[in-house]
C-alpha cells in the first residue's frame, strides 16, 4: 500500500493485453475485487501503431489490430468499470475517466 499526505491508498499493477477481450475481462474483475467495486479514476493509456510504406499496404487484419487496441479496449474498460466508477461517485461525489491519446491524431507522421 502507498501512503502520503492524503492518507492511505491502494496502488496495484497487473498485466493486460488490452486488445484481448479475456484479458480486459480479467482486469476488470481484479479491479472490482481489489477496490471493492469502487473506482475513483480509470486511466486508459493504451495504443499501438503499425507502419506501412503506403496506405495501400495496410491489411484488414492491421486495421482490426489498431481498432481493437486503440479504440475498443478503451470503450470496453470504460463500459465494464462504469458501475465501480458510478459507485465511487455516488459515495464521494466524483469519479473520472482519462483517455490518453497520441499526437499522431493531430499531426502527420512519416511511416
Protein backbone atom coordinates (compact mmCIF):
# COMPACT_ATOMS: atom_id res chain seq x y z
CA UNK A 1 0.00 0.00 0.00
CA UNK A 2 1.03 3.57 -0.56
CA UNK A 3 0.72 6.43 1.93
CA UNK A 4 1.06 10.19 1.51
CA UNK A 5 -0.41 13.36 2.98
CA UNK A 6 -3.86 12.31 1.81
CA UNK A 7 -3.81 9.10 3.81
CA UNK A 8 -3.54 5.50 2.80
CA UNK A 9 -4.36 4.31 -0.69
CA UNK A 10 -4.03 1.25 -2.82
CA UNK A 11 -1.70 1.14 -5.79
CA UNK A 12 -1.68 -2.03 -7.81
CA UNK A 13 -0.39 -3.16 -11.17
CA UNK A 14 -1.34 -6.02 -13.45
CA UNK A 15 -0.54 -7.27 -16.93
CA UNK A 16 -3.27 -6.97 -19.53
CA UNK A 17 -3.20 -7.19 -23.32
CA UNK A 18 -5.94 -4.64 -23.86
CA UNK A 19 -6.60 -5.90 -27.37
CA UNK A 20 -7.86 -9.21 -25.92
CA UNK A 21 -11.40 -9.43 -24.53
CA UNK A 22 -10.48 -12.12 -21.97
CA UNK A 23 -7.58 -10.06 -20.62
CA UNK A 24 -9.82 -6.99 -20.27
CA UNK A 25 -12.49 -9.05 -18.50
CA UNK A 26 -9.90 -10.48 -16.09
CA UNK A 27 -8.50 -7.00 -15.40
CA UNK A 28 -11.98 -5.62 -14.67
CA UNK A 29 -12.73 -8.50 -12.30
CA UNK A 30 -9.43 -7.93 -10.50
CA UNK A 31 -10.07 -4.18 -10.20
CA UNK A 32 -13.63 -4.66 -8.94
CA UNK A 33 -12.43 -7.14 -6.29
CA UNK A 34 -9.34 -5.17 -5.24
CA UNK A 35 -11.18 -1.87 -4.88
CA UNK A 36 -14.41 -3.34 -3.52
CA UNK A 37 -16.48 -2.25 -6.53
CA UNK A 38 -15.46 1.41 -6.19
CA UNK A 39 -13.09 3.08 -8.60
CA UNK A 40 -12.30 6.79 -8.46
CA UNK A 41 -10.18 7.06 -11.60
CA UNK A 42 -9.63 4.99 -14.72
CA UNK A 43 -6.72 5.95 -16.98
CA UNK A 44 -6.92 4.39 -20.42
CA UNK A 45 -3.36 4.68 -21.69
CA UNK A 46 -3.03 2.05 -24.38
CA UNK A 47 -2.16 2.26 -28.02
CA UNK A 48 -0.23 0.81 -30.87
CA UNK A 49 0.76 1.71 -34.38
CA UNK A 50 1.53 -0.31 -37.48
CA UNK A 51 3.77 1.41 -40.00
CA UNK A 52 3.46 0.58 -43.68
CA UNK A 53 5.10 2.31 -46.65
CA UNK A 54 1.71 3.25 -48.12
CA UNK A 55 -1.92 3.21 -47.06
CA UNK A 56 -2.42 0.65 -49.83
CA UNK A 57 -0.16 -1.75 -47.90
CA UNK A 58 -2.43 -1.98 -44.85
CA UNK A 59 -4.48 -5.15 -44.49
CA UNK A 60 -7.84 -5.65 -42.88
CA UNK A 61 -6.04 -7.54 -40.08
CA UNK A 62 -3.85 -4.46 -39.49
CA UNK A 63 -6.92 -2.28 -39.14
CA UNK A 64 -8.58 -4.78 -36.80
CA UNK A 65 -5.50 -4.77 -34.54
CA UNK A 66 -5.49 -0.97 -34.46
CA UNK A 67 -9.23 -0.76 -33.74
CA UNK A 68 -9.14 -3.46 -31.02
CA UNK A 69 -6.16 -1.91 -29.28
CA UNK A 70 -6.64 1.83 -29.72
CA UNK A 71 -10.41 2.19 -29.61
CA UNK A 72 -12.29 -0.90 -28.45
CA UNK A 73 -10.08 -1.51 -25.41
CA UNK A 74 -10.86 1.97 -24.04
CA UNK A 75 -14.56 1.52 -24.68
CA UNK A 76 -14.56 -1.98 -23.18
CA UNK A 77 -12.74 -0.99 -19.96
CA UNK A 78 -14.80 2.19 -19.51
CA UNK A 79 -18.03 0.28 -20.07
CA UNK A 80 -17.19 -2.64 -17.78
CA UNK A 81 -15.82 -0.44 -14.98
CA UNK A 82 -18.64 2.13 -15.16
CA UNK A 83 -20.53 0.54 -12.23
CA UNK A 84 -17.45 0.90 -9.99
CA UNK A 85 -16.94 4.50 -11.13
CA UNK A 86 -20.62 5.30 -10.51
CA UNK A 87 -20.45 3.71 -7.06
CA UNK A 88 -17.41 5.80 -6.10
CA UNK A 89 -19.04 8.95 -7.45
CA UNK A 90 -22.25 8.26 -5.50
CA UNK A 91 -20.27 7.87 -2.29
CA UNK A 92 -17.60 10.56 -2.70
CA UNK A 93 -19.06 12.96 -5.23
CA UNK A 94 -16.92 12.24 -8.27
CA UNK A 95 -15.01 9.75 -10.38
CA UNK A 96 -13.08 10.26 -13.61
CA UNK A 97 -12.04 8.54 -16.79
CA UNK A 98 -8.90 9.84 -18.51
CA UNK A 99 -8.22 8.78 -22.09
CA UNK A 100 -4.59 9.30 -23.11
CA UNK A 101 -4.15 9.53 -26.85
CA UNK A 102 -1.36 10.15 -29.31
CA UNK A 103 -0.11 13.25 -31.03
CA UNK A 104 -0.34 11.13 -34.19
CA UNK A 105 -4.02 12.04 -34.33
CA UNK A 106 -3.29 15.73 -34.92
CA UNK A 107 -0.07 15.79 -36.93
CA UNK A 108 1.18 13.88 -39.93
CA UNK A 109 3.68 11.17 -39.07
CA UNK A 110 6.00 9.72 -41.62
CA UNK A 111 5.74 5.93 -41.95
